Amino acid sequence: MPTFFFYGPELDDNKKRELIKSVTDKASKLTGIDKSAFVVYLRPSSPDTVGVGGELLRDRIERERV
């Protein structure tokens, strides 16, 4: 069972559906594996729970706003 994990911002239900469909459709097309075999997990992440380049993402976003 091919599996995808998407870690990113919280999405509304329509965007979740669109993302899952898009990932599944493209992966199926590229691999030749039937769409029914794919599993997609959406894992919401906030800037308070992500580190980028050795710093908290929230701090990086705040610094870039200035």
PDB file of N, CA and C in Angstrom:
ATOM      1  N   MET A   1       0.829  -1.173   0.000  1.00  0.00           N
ATOM      2  CA  MET A   1       0.000   0.000   0.000  1.00  0.00           C
ATOM      3  C   MET A   1       0.887   1.254   0.000  1.00  0.00           C
ATOM      4  N   PRO A   2       1.017   1.951  -1.116  1.00  0.00           N
ATOM      5  CA  PRO A   2       1.796   3.183  -1.143  1.00  0.00           C
ATOM      6  C   PRO A   2       1.153   4.228  -0.228  1.00  0.00           C
ATOM      7  N   THR A   3       1.976   4.903   0.552  1.00  0.00           N
ATOM      8  CA  THR A   3       1.470   5.844   1.562  1.00  0.00           C
ATOM      9  C   THR A   3       2.177   7.179   1.456  1.00  0.00           C
ATOM     10  N   PHE A   4       1.402   8.243   1.548  1.00  0.00           N
ATOM     11  CA  PHE A   4       1.923   9.605   1.561  1.00  0.00           C
ATOM     12  C   PHE A   4       1.544  10.273   2.870  1.00  0.00           C
ATOM     13  N   PHE A   5       2.482  11.041   3.419  1.00  0.00           N
ATOM     14  CA  PHE A   5       2.217  11.866   4.594  1.00  0.00           C
ATOM     15  C   PHE A   5       2.425  13.317   4.181  1.00  0.00           C
ATOM     16  N   PHE A   6       1.435  14.159   4.443  1.00  0.00           N
ATOM     17  CA  PHE A   6       1.542  15.582   4.161  1.00  0.00           C
ATOM     18  C   PHE A   6       1.539  16.324   5.486  1.00  0.00           C
ATOM     19  N   TYR A   7       2.658  16.950   5.817  1.00  0.00           N
ATOM     20  CA  TYR A   7       2.757  17.787   7.005  1.00  0.00           C
ATOM     21  C   TYR A   7       2.689  19.227   6.532  1.00  0.00           C
ATOM     22  N   GLY A   8       1.674  19.952   6.975  1.00  0.00           N
ATOM     23  CA  GLY A   8       1.524  21.324   6.511  1.00  0.00           C
ATOM     24  C   GLY A   8       0.445  22.041   7.291  1.00  0.00           C
ATOM     25  N   PRO A   9       0.009  23.169   6.771  1.00  0.00           N
ATOM     26  CA  PRO A   9      -0.990  23.966   7.482  1.00  0.00           C
ATOM     27  C   PRO A   9      -2.343  23.256   7.546  1.00  0.00           C
ATOM     28  N   GLU A  10      -3.135  23.655   8.503  1.00  0.00           N
ATOM     29  CA  GLU A  10      -4.513  23.163   8.601  1.00  0.00           C
ATOM     30  C   GLU A  10      -5.250  23.605   7.342  1.00  0.00           C
ATOM     31  N   LEU A  11      -6.019  22.702   6.758  1.00  0.00           N
ATOM     32  CA  LEU A  11      -6.770  23.001   5.537  1.00  0.00           C
ATOM     33  C   LEU A  11      -8.257  22.805   5.783  1.00  0.00           C
ATOM     34  N   ASP A  12      -9.079  23.545   5.040  1.00  0.00           N
ATOM     35  CA  ASP A  12     -10.510  23.305   5.146  1.00  0.00           C
ATOM     36  C   ASP A  12     -10.831  21.993   4.416  1.00  0.00           C
ATOM     37  N   ASP A  13     -12.026  21.480   4.634  1.00  0.00           N
ATOM     38  CA  ASP A  13     -12.389  20.159   4.103  1.00  0.00           C
ATOM     39  C   ASP A  13     -12.284  20.074   2.580  1.00  0.00           C
ATOM     40  N   ASN A  14     -12.668  21.125   1.874  1.00  0.00           N
ATOM     41  CA  ASN A  14     -12.586  21.093   0.406  1.00  0.00           C
ATOM     42  C   ASN A  14     -11.143  21.003  -0.071  1.00  0.00           C
ATOM     43  N   LYS A  15     -10.244  21.733   0.582  1.00  0.00           N
ATOM     44  CA  LYS A  15      -8.833  21.672   0.201  1.00  0.00           C
ATOM     45  C   LYS A  15      -8.236  20.315   0.553  1.00  0.00           C
ATOM     46  N   LYS A  16      -8.667  19.726   1.656  1.00  0.00           N
ATOM     47  CA  LYS A  16      -8.204  18.376   2.016  1.00  0.00           C
ATOM     48  C   LYS A  16      -8.607  17.382   0.931  1.00  0.00           C
ATOM     49  N   ARG A  17      -9.842  17.452   0.516  1.00  0.00           N
ATOM     50  CA  ARG A  17     -10.330  16.552  -0.535  1.00  0.00           C
ATOM     51  C   ARG A  17      -9.538  16.735  -1.831  1.00  0.00           C
ATOM     52  N   GLU A  18      -9.314  17.995  -2.195  1.00  0.00           N
ATOM     53  CA  GLU A  18      -8.590  18.292  -3.427  1.00  0.00           C
ATOM     54  C   GLU A  18      -7.146  17.789  -3.354  1.00  0.00           C
ATOM     55  N   LEU A  19      -6.490  17.992  -2.224  1.00  0.00           N
ATOM     56  CA  LEU A  19      -5.112  17.542  -2.062  1.00  0.00           C
ATOM     57  C   LEU A  19      -5.018  16.021  -2.139  1.00  0.00           C
ATOM     58  N   ILE A  20      -5.898  15.339  -1.436  1.00  0.00           N
ATOM     59  CA  ILE A  20      -5.895  13.873  -1.445  1.00  0.00           C
ATOM     60  C   ILE A  20      -6.137  13.347  -2.853  1.00  0.00           C
ATOM     61  N   LYS A  21      -7.106  13.933  -3.553  1.00  0.00           N
ATOM     62  CA  LYS A  21      -7.404  13.487  -4.921  1.00  0.00           C
ATOM     63  C   LYS A  21      -6.229  13.758  -5.850  1.00  0.00           C
ATOM     64  N   SER A  22      -5.635  14.936  -5.754  1.00  0.00           N
ATOM     65  CA  SER A  22      -4.522  15.299  -6.635  1.00  0.00           C
ATOM     66  C   SER A  22      -3.314  14.389  -6.434  1.00  0.00           C
ATOM     67  N   VAL A  23      -2.952  14.166  -5.174  1.00  0.00           N
ATOM     68  CA  VAL A  23      -1.805  13.303  -4.876  1.00  0.00           C
ATOM     69  C   VAL A  23      -2.069  11.886  -5.382  1.00  0.00           C
ATOM     70  N   THR A  24      -3.257  11.383  -5.100  1.00  0.00           N
ATOM     71  CA  THR A  24      -3.614  10.021  -5.502  1.00  0.00           C
ATOM     72  C   THR A  24      -3.634   9.877  -7.022  1.00  0.00           C
ATOM     73  N   ASP A  25      -4.270  10.820  -7.696  1.00  0.00           N
ATOM     74  CA  ASP A  25      -4.348  10.758  -9.161  1.00  0.00           C
ATOM     75  C   ASP A  25      -2.958  10.771  -9.801  1.00  0.00           C
ATOM     76  N   LYS A  26      -2.113  11.694  -9.367  1.00  0.00           N
ATOM     77  CA  LYS A  26      -0.781  11.824  -9.966  1.00  0.00           C
ATOM     78  C   LYS A  26       0.083  10.605  -9.662  1.00  0.00           C
ATOM     79  N   ALA A  27       0.047  10.131  -8.431  1.00  0.00           N
ATOM     80  CA  ALA A  27       0.854   8.963  -8.063  1.00  0.00           C
ATOM     81  C   ALA A  27       0.406   7.728  -8.840  1.00  0.00           C
ATOM     82  N   SER A  28      -0.896   7.571  -8.990  1.00  0.00           N
ATOM     83  CA  SER A  28      -1.416   6.438  -9.741  1.00  0.00           C
ATOM     84  C   SER A  28      -0.973   6.511 -11.198  1.00  0.00           C
ATOM     85  N   LYS A  29      -1.062   7.694 -11.782  1.00  0.00           N
ATOM     86  CA  LYS A  29      -0.675   7.877 -13.181  1.00  0.00           C
ATOM     87  C   LYS A  29       0.811   7.575 -13.386  1.00  0.00           C
ATOM     88  N   LEU A  30       1.647   8.052 -12.473  1.00  0.00           N
ATOM     89  CA  LEU A  30       3.094   7.882 -12.629  1.00  0.00           C
ATOM     90  C   LEU A  30       3.568   6.457 -12.353  1.00  0.00           C
ATOM     91  N   THR A  31       2.880   5.766 -11.443  1.00  0.00           N
ATOM     92  CA  THR A  31       3.335   4.428 -11.044  1.00  0.00           C
ATOM     93  C   THR A  31       2.597   3.295 -11.741  1.00  0.00           C
ATOM     94  N   GLY A  32       1.396   3.590 -12.245  1.00  0.00           N
ATOM     95  CA  GLY A  32       0.575   2.529 -12.829  1.00  0.00           C
ATOM     96  C   GLY A  32      -0.155   1.707 -11.778  1.00  0.00           C
ATOM     97  N   ILE A  33      -0.075   2.119 -10.539  1.00  0.00           N
ATOM     98  CA  ILE A  33      -0.770   1.428  -9.445  1.00  0.00           C
ATOM     99  C   ILE A  33      -2.180   1.995  -9.338  1.00  0.00           C
ATOM    100  N   ASP A  34      -3.150   1.135  -9.128  1.00  0.00           N
ATOM    101  CA  ASP A  34      -4.540   1.561  -9.017  1.00  0.00           C
ATOM    102  C   ASP A  34      -4.724   2.552  -7.870  1.00  0.00           C
ATOM    103  N   LYS A  35      -5.548   3.558  -8.097  1.00  0.00           N
ATOM    104  CA  LYS A  35      -5.809   4.588  -7.084  1.00  0.00           C
ATOM    105  C   LYS A  35      -6.256   4.009  -5.746  1.00  0.00           C
ATOM    106  N   SER A  36      -6.988   2.911  -5.793  1.00  0.00           N
ATOM    107  CA  SER A  36      -7.532   2.338  -4.559  1.00  0.00           C
ATOM    108  C   SER A  36      -6.449   1.839  -3.603  1.00  0.00           C
ATOM    109  N   ALA A  37      -5.225   1.707  -4.079  1.00  0.00           N
ATOM    110  CA  ALA A  37      -4.137   1.213  -3.235  1.00  0.00           C
ATOM    111  C   ALA A  37      -3.480   2.314  -2.402  1.00  0.00           C
ATOM    112  N   PHE A  38      -3.676   3.571  -2.771  1.00  0.00           N
ATOM    113  CA  PHE A  38      -2.967   4.676  -2.120  1.00  0.00           C
ATOM    114  C   PHE A  38      -3.640   5.129  -0.833  1.00  0.00           C
ATOM    115  N   VAL A  39      -2.790   5.477   0.126  1.00  0.00           N
ATOM    116  CA  VAL A  39      -3.249   6.038   1.402  1.00  0.00           C
ATOM    117  C   VAL A  39      -2.567   7.389   1.563  1.00  0.00           C
ATOM    118  N   VAL A  40      -3.331   8.417   1.921  1.00  0.00           N
ATOM    119  CA  VAL A  40      -2.792   9.754   2.140  1.00  0.00           C
ATOM    120  C   VAL A  40      -3.181  10.198   3.551  1.00  0.00           C
ATOM    121  N   TYR A  41      -2.174  10.544   4.335  1.00  0.00           N
ATOM    122  CA  TYR A  41      -2.403  11.071   5.687  1.00  0.00           C
ATOM    123  C   TYR A  41      -2.115  12.565   5.674  1.00  0.00           C
ATOM    124  N   LEU A  42      -3.020  13.354   6.210  1.00  0.00           N
ATOM    125  CA  LEU A  42      -2.815  14.792   6.359  1.00  0.00           C
ATOM    126  C   LEU A  42      -2.500  15.060   7.827  1.00  0.00           C
ATOM    127  N   ARG A  43      -1.347  15.630   8.068  1.00  0.00           N
ATOM    128  CA  ARG A  43      -0.885  15.907   9.433  1.00  0.00           C
ATOM    129  C   ARG A  43      -0.699  17.410   9.587  1.00  0.00           C
ATOM    130  N   PRO A  44      -1.684  18.091  10.181  1.00  0.00           N
ATOM    131  CA  PRO A  44      -1.542  19.542  10.339  1.00  0.00           C
ATOM    132  C   PRO A  44      -0.388  19.889  11.273  1.00  0.00           C
ATOM    133  N   SER A  45       0.354  20.915  10.887  1.00  0.00           N
ATOM    134  CA  SER A  45       1.479  21.397  11.681  1.00  0.00           C
ATOM    135  C   SER A  45       1.384  22.905  11.791  1.00  0.00           C
ATOM    136  N   SER A  46       1.578  23.410  12.982  1.00  0.00           N
ATOM    137  CA  SER A  46       1.572  24.857  13.163  1.00  0.00           C
ATOM    138  C   SER A  46       3.016  25.351  13.229  1.00  0.00           C
ATOM    139  N   PRO A  47       3.241  26.627  12.996  1.00  0.00           N
ATOM    140  CA  PRO A  47       4.596  27.174  13.074  1.00  0.00           C
ATOM    141  C   PRO A  47       5.240  27.001  14.455  1.00  0.00           C
ATOM    142  N   ASP A  48       4.421  26.725  15.473  1.00  0.00           N
ATOM    143  CA  ASP A  48       4.946  26.500  16.821  1.00  0.00           C
ATOM    144  C   ASP A  48       5.488  25.095  17.014  1.00  0.00           C
ATOM    145  N   THR A  49       5.258  24.209  16.051  1.00  0.00           N
ATOM    146  CA  THR A  49       5.684  22.816  16.204  1.00  0.00           C
ATOM    147  C   THR A  49       6.632  22.363  15.097  1.00  0.00           C
ATOM    148  N   VAL A  50       7.226  23.343  14.373  1.00  0.00           N
ATOM    149  CA  VAL A  50       8.105  23.019  13.250  1.00  0.00           C
ATOM    150  C   VAL A  50       9.407  23.809  13.382  1.00  0.00           C
ATOM    151  N   GLY A  51      10.514  23.137  13.146  1.00  0.00           N
ATOM    152  CA  GLY A  51      11.801  23.807  13.092  1.00  0.00           C
ATOM    153  C   GLY A  51      12.333  23.808  11.676  1.00  0.00           C
ATOM    154  N   VAL A  52      12.866  24.951  11.238  1.00  0.00           N
ATOM    155  CA  VAL A  52      13.443  25.082   9.901  1.00  0.00           C
ATOM    156  C   VAL A  52      14.800  25.775  10.047  1.00  0.00           C
ATOM    157  N   GLY A  53      15.820  25.154   9.514  1.00  0.00           N
ATOM    158  CA  GLY A  53      17.147  25.769   9.568  1.00  0.00           C
ATOM    159  C   GLY A  53      17.646  25.993  10.982  1.00  0.00           C
ATOM    160  N   GLY A  54      17.234  25.133  11.893  1.00  0.00           N
ATOM    161  CA  GLY A  54      17.709  25.225  13.271  1.00  0.00           C
ATOM    162  C   GLY A  54      16.958  26.202  14.145  1.00  0.00           C
ATOM    163  N   GLU A  55      15.837  26.711  13.661  1.00  0.00           N
ATOM    164  CA  GLU A  55      15.056  27.633  14.495  1.00  0.00           C
ATOM    165  C   GLU A  55      13.572  27.330  14.375  1.00  0.00           C
ATOM    166  N   LEU A  56      12.828  27.774  15.369  1.00  0.00           N
ATOM    167  CA  LEU A  56      11.380  27.595  15.368  1.00  0.00           C
ATOM    168  C   LEU A  56      10.788  28.371  14.198  1.00  0.00           C
ATOM    169  N   LEU A  57       9.933  27.730  13.447  1.00  0.00           N
ATOM    170  CA  LEU A  57       9.350  28.370  12.272  1.00  0.00           C
ATOM    171  C   LEU A  57       8.618  29.662  12.635  1.00  0.00           C
ATOM    172  N   ARG A  58       7.945  29.665  13.769  1.00  0.00           N
ATOM    173  CA  ARG A  58       7.246  30.883  14.209  1.00  0.00           C
ATOM    174  C   ARG A  58       8.220  32.050  14.308  1.00  0.00           C
ATOM    175  N   ASP A  59       9.421  31.822  14.872  1.00  0.00           N
ATOM    176  CA  ASP A  59      10.426  32.879  15.014  1.00  0.00           C
ATOM    177  C   ASP A  59      10.907  33.351  13.643  1.00  0.00           C
ATOM    178  N   ARG A  60      11.080  32.437  12.740  1.00  0.00           N
ATOM    179  CA  ARG A  60      11.546  32.777  11.384  1.00  0.00           C
ATOM    180  C   ARG A  60      10.504  33.635  10.663  1.00  0.00           C
ATOM    181  N   ILE A  61       9.233  33.253  10.787  1.00  0.00           N
ATOM    182  CA  ILE A  61       8.154  34.021  10.149  1.00  0.00           C
ATOM    183  C   ILE A  61       8.094  35.421  10.722  1.00  0.00           C
ATOM    184  N   GLU A  62       8.179  35.531  12.035  1.00  0.00           N
ATOM    185  CA  GLU A  62       8.134  36.848  12.676  1.00  0.00           C
ATOM    186  C   GLU A  62       9.312  37.715  12.231  1.00  0.00           C
ATOM    187  N   ARG A  63      10.511  37.137  12.125  1.00  0.00           N
ATOM    188  CA  ARG A  63      11.697  37.888  11.716  1.00  0.00           C
ATOM    189  C   ARG A  63      11.555  38.390  10.276  1.00  0.00           C
ATOM    190  N   GLU A  64      10.975  37.564   9.412  1.00  0.00           N
ATOM    191  CA  GLU A  64      10.839  37.942   8.003  1.00  0.00           C
ATOM    192  C   GLU A  64       9.758  38.994   7.779  1.00  0.00           C
ATOM    193  N   ARG A  65       8.843  39.142   8.720  1.00  0.00           N
ATOM    194  CA  ARG A  65       7.784  40.153   8.601  1.00  0.00           C
ATOM    195  C   ARG A  65       8.330  41.557   8.822  1.00  0.00           C
ATOM    196  N   VAL A  66       9.433  41.660   9.542  1.00  0.00           N
ATOM    197  CA  VAL A  66       9.991  42.966   9.912  1.00  0.00           C
ATOM    198  C   VAL A  66      10.701  43.615   8.758  1.00  0.00           C
TER     199      VAL A  66
END
